N, C-alpha and C. Protein backbone atom coordinates (compact mmCIF):
# COMPACT_ATOMS: atom_id res chain seq x y z
N MET A 1 -1.51 10.52 -18.15
CA MET A 1 -0.36 10.16 -17.38
C MET A 1 -0.06 11.34 -16.42
N ALA A 2 0.39 11.03 -15.22
CA ALA A 2 0.69 12.01 -14.21
C ALA A 2 2.18 12.05 -13.95
N ILE A 3 2.78 13.24 -14.03
CA ILE A 3 4.17 13.48 -13.74
C ILE A 3 4.27 14.00 -12.30
N PRO A 4 4.87 13.25 -11.38
CA PRO A 4 4.93 13.66 -10.00
C PRO A 4 5.86 14.83 -9.71
N SER A 5 5.64 15.51 -8.60
CA SER A 5 6.49 16.61 -8.20
C SER A 5 7.43 16.24 -7.05
N HIS A 6 7.16 15.11 -6.40
CA HIS A 6 7.96 14.66 -5.26
C HIS A 6 8.27 13.18 -5.40
N ASP A 7 9.34 12.74 -4.75
CA ASP A 7 9.66 11.32 -4.77
C ASP A 7 8.90 10.58 -3.66
N LYS A 8 9.12 9.31 -3.53
CA LYS A 8 8.39 8.47 -2.58
C LYS A 8 8.76 8.81 -1.13
N ASN A 9 9.81 9.60 -0.94
CA ASN A 9 10.19 10.06 0.39
C ASN A 9 9.76 11.50 0.67
N ASN A 10 8.89 11.99 -0.21
CA ASN A 10 8.25 13.32 -0.12
C ASN A 10 9.26 14.45 -0.37
N LYS A 11 10.34 14.14 -1.06
CA LYS A 11 11.32 15.17 -1.44
C LYS A 11 10.99 15.77 -2.78
N PRO A 12 11.02 17.12 -2.91
CA PRO A 12 10.71 17.74 -4.23
C PRO A 12 11.70 17.27 -5.30
N LEU A 13 11.17 17.14 -6.49
CA LEU A 13 11.98 16.73 -7.67
C LEU A 13 12.28 17.95 -8.51
N ALA A 14 13.55 18.15 -8.83
CA ALA A 14 13.98 19.30 -9.63
C ALA A 14 13.70 19.07 -11.12
N ASN A 15 13.48 17.82 -11.54
CA ASN A 15 13.38 17.52 -12.99
C ASN A 15 11.98 17.24 -13.45
N GLN A 16 10.97 17.68 -12.74
CA GLN A 16 9.57 17.39 -13.15
C GLN A 16 9.24 17.97 -14.54
N GLU A 17 9.65 19.22 -14.77
CA GLU A 17 9.36 19.83 -16.10
C GLU A 17 10.06 19.10 -17.25
N LEU A 18 11.25 18.61 -17.00
CA LEU A 18 11.98 17.84 -18.05
C LEU A 18 11.23 16.57 -18.38
N TRP A 19 10.74 15.84 -17.34
CA TRP A 19 9.98 14.64 -17.59
C TRP A 19 8.65 14.96 -18.34
N ALA A 20 8.00 16.07 -17.94
CA ALA A 20 6.77 16.48 -18.60
C ALA A 20 7.05 16.77 -20.06
N ASP A 21 8.13 17.49 -20.36
CA ASP A 21 8.48 17.79 -21.73
C ASP A 21 8.76 16.53 -22.53
N SER A 22 9.51 15.62 -21.92
CA SER A 22 9.79 14.34 -22.56
C SER A 22 8.54 13.52 -22.82
N GLY A 23 7.65 13.55 -21.83
CA GLY A 23 6.39 12.81 -21.95
C GLY A 23 5.51 13.37 -23.07
N ILE A 24 5.37 14.67 -23.14
CA ILE A 24 4.53 15.26 -24.15
C ILE A 24 5.11 15.05 -25.56
N GLU A 25 6.43 15.07 -25.65
CA GLU A 25 7.06 14.76 -26.94
C GLU A 25 6.79 13.29 -27.34
N LEU A 26 6.85 12.39 -26.35
CA LEU A 26 6.52 10.98 -26.62
C LEU A 26 5.10 10.85 -27.13
N PHE A 27 4.17 11.51 -26.45
CA PHE A 27 2.75 11.45 -26.89
C PHE A 27 2.60 12.01 -28.29
N ALA A 28 3.36 13.07 -28.63
CA ALA A 28 3.29 13.58 -30.01
C ALA A 28 3.75 12.55 -31.01
N GLU A 29 4.87 11.86 -30.69
CA GLU A 29 5.38 10.81 -31.60
C GLU A 29 4.45 9.66 -31.72
N LEU A 30 3.91 9.18 -30.56
CA LEU A 30 3.07 7.98 -30.57
C LEU A 30 1.62 8.26 -31.02
N TYR A 31 1.09 9.40 -30.63
CA TYR A 31 -0.34 9.64 -30.81
C TYR A 31 -0.71 10.90 -31.54
N GLY A 32 0.27 11.69 -31.93
CA GLY A 32 0.00 12.87 -32.75
C GLY A 32 -0.10 14.16 -31.97
N GLY A 33 -0.11 14.10 -30.63
CA GLY A 33 -0.16 15.33 -29.84
C GLY A 33 -0.63 15.07 -28.43
N ALA A 34 -0.57 16.13 -27.60
CA ALA A 34 -1.04 16.00 -26.21
C ALA A 34 -1.05 17.44 -25.60
N THR A 35 -1.63 17.49 -24.46
CA THR A 35 -1.71 18.74 -23.69
C THR A 35 -1.26 18.44 -22.27
N THR A 36 -0.55 19.40 -21.64
CA THR A 36 -0.23 19.24 -20.23
C THR A 36 -1.05 20.23 -19.37
N PHE A 37 -1.32 19.78 -18.17
CA PHE A 37 -2.07 20.58 -17.20
C PHE A 37 -1.29 20.59 -15.87
N HIS A 38 -1.06 21.73 -15.34
CA HIS A 38 -0.49 21.82 -14.00
C HIS A 38 -1.65 21.78 -13.03
N THR A 39 -1.55 20.87 -12.04
CA THR A 39 -2.65 20.63 -11.13
C THR A 39 -2.43 21.35 -9.82
N TRP A 40 -3.47 21.37 -9.02
CA TRP A 40 -3.40 21.83 -7.62
C TRP A 40 -2.85 20.69 -6.83
N LYS A 41 -2.78 20.85 -5.56
CA LYS A 41 -2.21 19.83 -4.71
C LYS A 41 -3.05 18.55 -4.72
N GLY A 42 -2.33 17.43 -4.66
CA GLY A 42 -2.94 16.14 -4.51
C GLY A 42 -2.27 15.40 -3.38
N ILE A 43 -2.83 14.27 -3.07
CA ILE A 43 -2.24 13.46 -1.98
C ILE A 43 -2.33 11.99 -2.38
N TYR A 44 -1.34 11.25 -1.98
CA TYR A 44 -1.28 9.82 -2.25
C TYR A 44 -0.90 9.13 -0.95
N ARG A 45 -1.63 8.08 -0.62
CA ARG A 45 -1.29 7.26 0.56
C ARG A 45 -0.29 6.16 0.16
N SER A 46 0.92 6.24 0.72
CA SER A 46 1.96 5.31 0.32
C SER A 46 1.67 3.92 0.86
N GLU A 47 2.46 2.97 0.40
CA GLU A 47 2.33 1.57 0.84
C GLU A 47 2.63 1.48 2.35
N THR A 48 3.42 2.42 2.86
CA THR A 48 3.77 2.41 4.29
C THR A 48 2.77 3.19 5.13
N GLY A 49 1.76 3.77 4.49
CA GLY A 49 0.72 4.50 5.18
C GLY A 49 0.99 6.00 5.38
N ASP A 50 2.06 6.47 4.74
CA ASP A 50 2.35 7.90 4.80
C ASP A 50 1.55 8.69 3.76
N ASN A 51 1.14 9.90 4.07
CA ASN A 51 0.52 10.79 3.13
C ASN A 51 1.63 11.52 2.34
N LEU A 52 1.63 11.39 1.05
CA LEU A 52 2.61 12.02 0.20
C LEU A 52 1.87 13.13 -0.64
N TRP A 53 2.25 14.37 -0.41
CA TRP A 53 1.66 15.48 -1.12
C TRP A 53 2.35 15.67 -2.47
N ASP A 54 1.59 16.09 -3.46
CA ASP A 54 2.11 16.19 -4.81
C ASP A 54 1.43 17.30 -5.55
N THR A 55 2.11 17.96 -6.46
CA THR A 55 1.54 18.87 -7.44
C THR A 55 1.90 18.39 -8.80
N ARG A 56 1.07 17.52 -9.37
CA ARG A 56 1.35 16.81 -10.58
C ARG A 56 1.20 17.67 -11.84
N ILE A 57 1.86 17.20 -12.88
CA ILE A 57 1.61 17.71 -14.22
C ILE A 57 0.91 16.53 -14.93
N LEU A 58 -0.28 16.79 -15.47
CA LEU A 58 -1.01 15.74 -16.19
C LEU A 58 -0.78 15.91 -17.69
N ILE A 59 -0.61 14.79 -18.35
CA ILE A 59 -0.53 14.76 -19.81
C ILE A 59 -1.75 14.03 -20.33
N GLU A 60 -2.46 14.74 -21.23
CA GLU A 60 -3.71 14.19 -21.81
C GLU A 60 -3.61 14.21 -23.34
N SER A 61 -4.14 13.12 -23.94
CA SER A 61 -4.16 13.04 -25.36
C SER A 61 -5.45 12.36 -25.83
N PHE A 62 -6.06 12.89 -26.85
CA PHE A 62 -7.23 12.25 -27.47
C PHE A 62 -6.74 11.41 -28.62
N VAL A 63 -6.96 10.09 -28.51
CA VAL A 63 -6.29 9.18 -29.42
C VAL A 63 -7.32 8.24 -30.05
N ASP A 64 -7.13 7.92 -31.32
CA ASP A 64 -7.96 6.92 -31.92
C ASP A 64 -7.71 5.54 -31.31
N ARG A 65 -8.73 4.75 -31.20
CA ARG A 65 -8.67 3.45 -30.52
C ARG A 65 -7.58 2.56 -31.07
N GLU A 66 -7.40 2.54 -32.41
CA GLU A 66 -6.38 1.62 -32.95
C GLU A 66 -4.95 2.04 -32.54
N LEU A 67 -4.71 3.34 -32.26
CA LEU A 67 -3.40 3.75 -31.79
C LEU A 67 -3.18 3.34 -30.33
N VAL A 68 -4.25 3.44 -29.56
CA VAL A 68 -4.15 3.05 -28.10
C VAL A 68 -3.92 1.55 -28.01
N GLU A 69 -4.55 0.81 -28.86
CA GLU A 69 -4.46 -0.68 -28.80
C GLU A 69 -3.24 -1.22 -29.52
N ASP A 70 -2.42 -0.38 -30.11
CA ASP A 70 -1.23 -0.84 -30.79
C ASP A 70 -0.18 -1.25 -29.75
N ASP A 71 0.18 -2.53 -29.80
CA ASP A 71 1.10 -3.08 -28.76
C ASP A 71 2.48 -2.39 -28.78
N GLN A 72 2.98 -2.04 -29.94
CA GLN A 72 4.29 -1.40 -30.00
C GLN A 72 4.27 -0.04 -29.34
N ARG A 73 3.24 0.76 -29.68
CA ARG A 73 3.11 2.09 -29.09
C ARG A 73 2.95 1.99 -27.56
N LEU A 74 2.09 1.06 -27.15
CA LEU A 74 1.85 0.88 -25.71
C LEU A 74 3.16 0.45 -25.03
N GLY A 75 3.95 -0.38 -25.68
CA GLY A 75 5.23 -0.81 -25.15
C GLY A 75 6.21 0.36 -24.95
N PHE A 76 6.25 1.30 -25.91
CA PHE A 76 7.08 2.47 -25.77
C PHE A 76 6.62 3.36 -24.57
N LEU A 77 5.30 3.49 -24.45
CA LEU A 77 4.74 4.30 -23.36
C LEU A 77 5.05 3.64 -22.02
N LEU A 78 4.87 2.31 -21.90
CA LEU A 78 5.13 1.66 -20.64
C LEU A 78 6.62 1.68 -20.30
N ASP A 79 7.48 1.55 -21.29
CA ASP A 79 8.94 1.70 -21.04
C ASP A 79 9.28 3.08 -20.45
N PHE A 80 8.67 4.11 -21.02
CA PHE A 80 8.90 5.45 -20.53
C PHE A 80 8.43 5.63 -19.09
N ILE A 81 7.24 5.09 -18.81
CA ILE A 81 6.66 5.20 -17.47
C ILE A 81 7.54 4.44 -16.44
N LYS A 82 7.97 3.26 -16.80
CA LYS A 82 8.81 2.45 -15.87
C LYS A 82 10.16 3.15 -15.66
N ARG A 83 10.70 3.76 -16.70
CA ARG A 83 12.01 4.46 -16.52
C ARG A 83 11.81 5.72 -15.63
N MET A 84 10.70 6.43 -15.87
CA MET A 84 10.38 7.60 -15.05
C MET A 84 10.17 7.17 -13.60
N LYS A 85 9.43 6.11 -13.40
CA LYS A 85 9.16 5.63 -12.03
C LYS A 85 10.46 5.33 -11.27
N ARG A 86 11.39 4.66 -11.96
CA ARG A 86 12.64 4.31 -11.34
C ARG A 86 13.50 5.54 -11.09
N GLN A 87 13.67 6.39 -12.07
CA GLN A 87 14.57 7.53 -11.96
C GLN A 87 14.00 8.60 -11.04
N MET A 88 12.69 8.72 -10.95
CA MET A 88 12.06 9.71 -10.04
C MET A 88 11.79 9.13 -8.67
N ARG A 89 12.18 7.89 -8.47
CA ARG A 89 12.02 7.23 -7.14
C ARG A 89 10.52 7.29 -6.70
N GLN A 90 9.68 6.64 -7.48
CA GLN A 90 8.23 6.60 -7.23
C GLN A 90 7.79 5.22 -6.82
N GLU A 91 6.71 5.14 -6.01
CA GLU A 91 6.07 3.86 -5.78
C GLU A 91 5.29 3.45 -6.99
N SER A 92 4.66 4.41 -7.69
CA SER A 92 3.86 4.13 -8.86
C SER A 92 3.66 5.36 -9.69
N ILE A 93 3.30 5.20 -10.96
CA ILE A 93 2.91 6.26 -11.85
C ILE A 93 1.52 5.95 -12.41
N LEU A 94 0.64 6.90 -12.40
CA LEU A 94 -0.73 6.71 -12.85
C LEU A 94 -0.86 6.83 -14.37
N LEU A 95 -1.53 5.82 -14.96
CA LEU A 95 -1.85 5.86 -16.38
C LEU A 95 -3.32 5.58 -16.53
N VAL A 96 -4.05 6.45 -17.24
CA VAL A 96 -5.50 6.31 -17.43
C VAL A 96 -5.75 6.24 -18.92
N ILE A 97 -6.49 5.23 -19.36
CA ILE A 97 -6.97 5.13 -20.72
C ILE A 97 -8.45 4.86 -20.65
N ASN A 98 -9.26 5.88 -21.03
CA ASN A 98 -10.70 5.83 -20.91
C ASN A 98 -11.07 5.51 -19.42
N GLU A 99 -11.82 4.44 -19.19
CA GLU A 99 -12.16 4.07 -17.80
C GLU A 99 -11.11 3.20 -17.16
N TRP A 100 -10.12 2.79 -17.88
CA TRP A 100 -9.09 1.88 -17.39
C TRP A 100 -8.04 2.69 -16.70
N ARG A 101 -7.77 2.42 -15.43
CA ARG A 101 -6.76 3.14 -14.64
C ARG A 101 -5.79 2.15 -14.02
N ARG A 102 -4.53 2.42 -14.17
CA ARG A 102 -3.50 1.57 -13.61
C ARG A 102 -2.39 2.37 -12.95
N PHE A 103 -1.93 1.92 -11.81
CA PHE A 103 -0.75 2.44 -11.21
C PHE A 103 0.37 1.53 -11.62
N ILE A 104 1.27 2.00 -12.40
CA ILE A 104 2.40 1.23 -12.95
C ILE A 104 3.55 1.31 -11.97
C-alpha cells in the first residue's frame, strides 16, 4: 500500500506519517507485521492530465495466502484505504497483492 505525500491538487499533506503509522498498525493486527519504506519522488498522471509529484511511504507485508484471502481482513483493509483516500483528498490509493494491482 502507498501512503501519498500530496493531495489531488498537489498540495503537501501534513498527516502522511500519521496515516503511515495507522496503516502499519493495521497490517500488524491483520497480518502480523509490516515494514515501511520512504521512497524517492514519484509521479502520477491525474484524470485531468496533470502531473502530480509525490514522495510516498510504502507499506509492505509478507502474508500467508489464507490471511490475504480472508474476506473480513480484506474488508478492514479496504475500509482503511477508502477512508484514507477520502480524508487525504486522493484520486486513488495503490494496493498491490502479488501480481494483482488496483487503484482504489
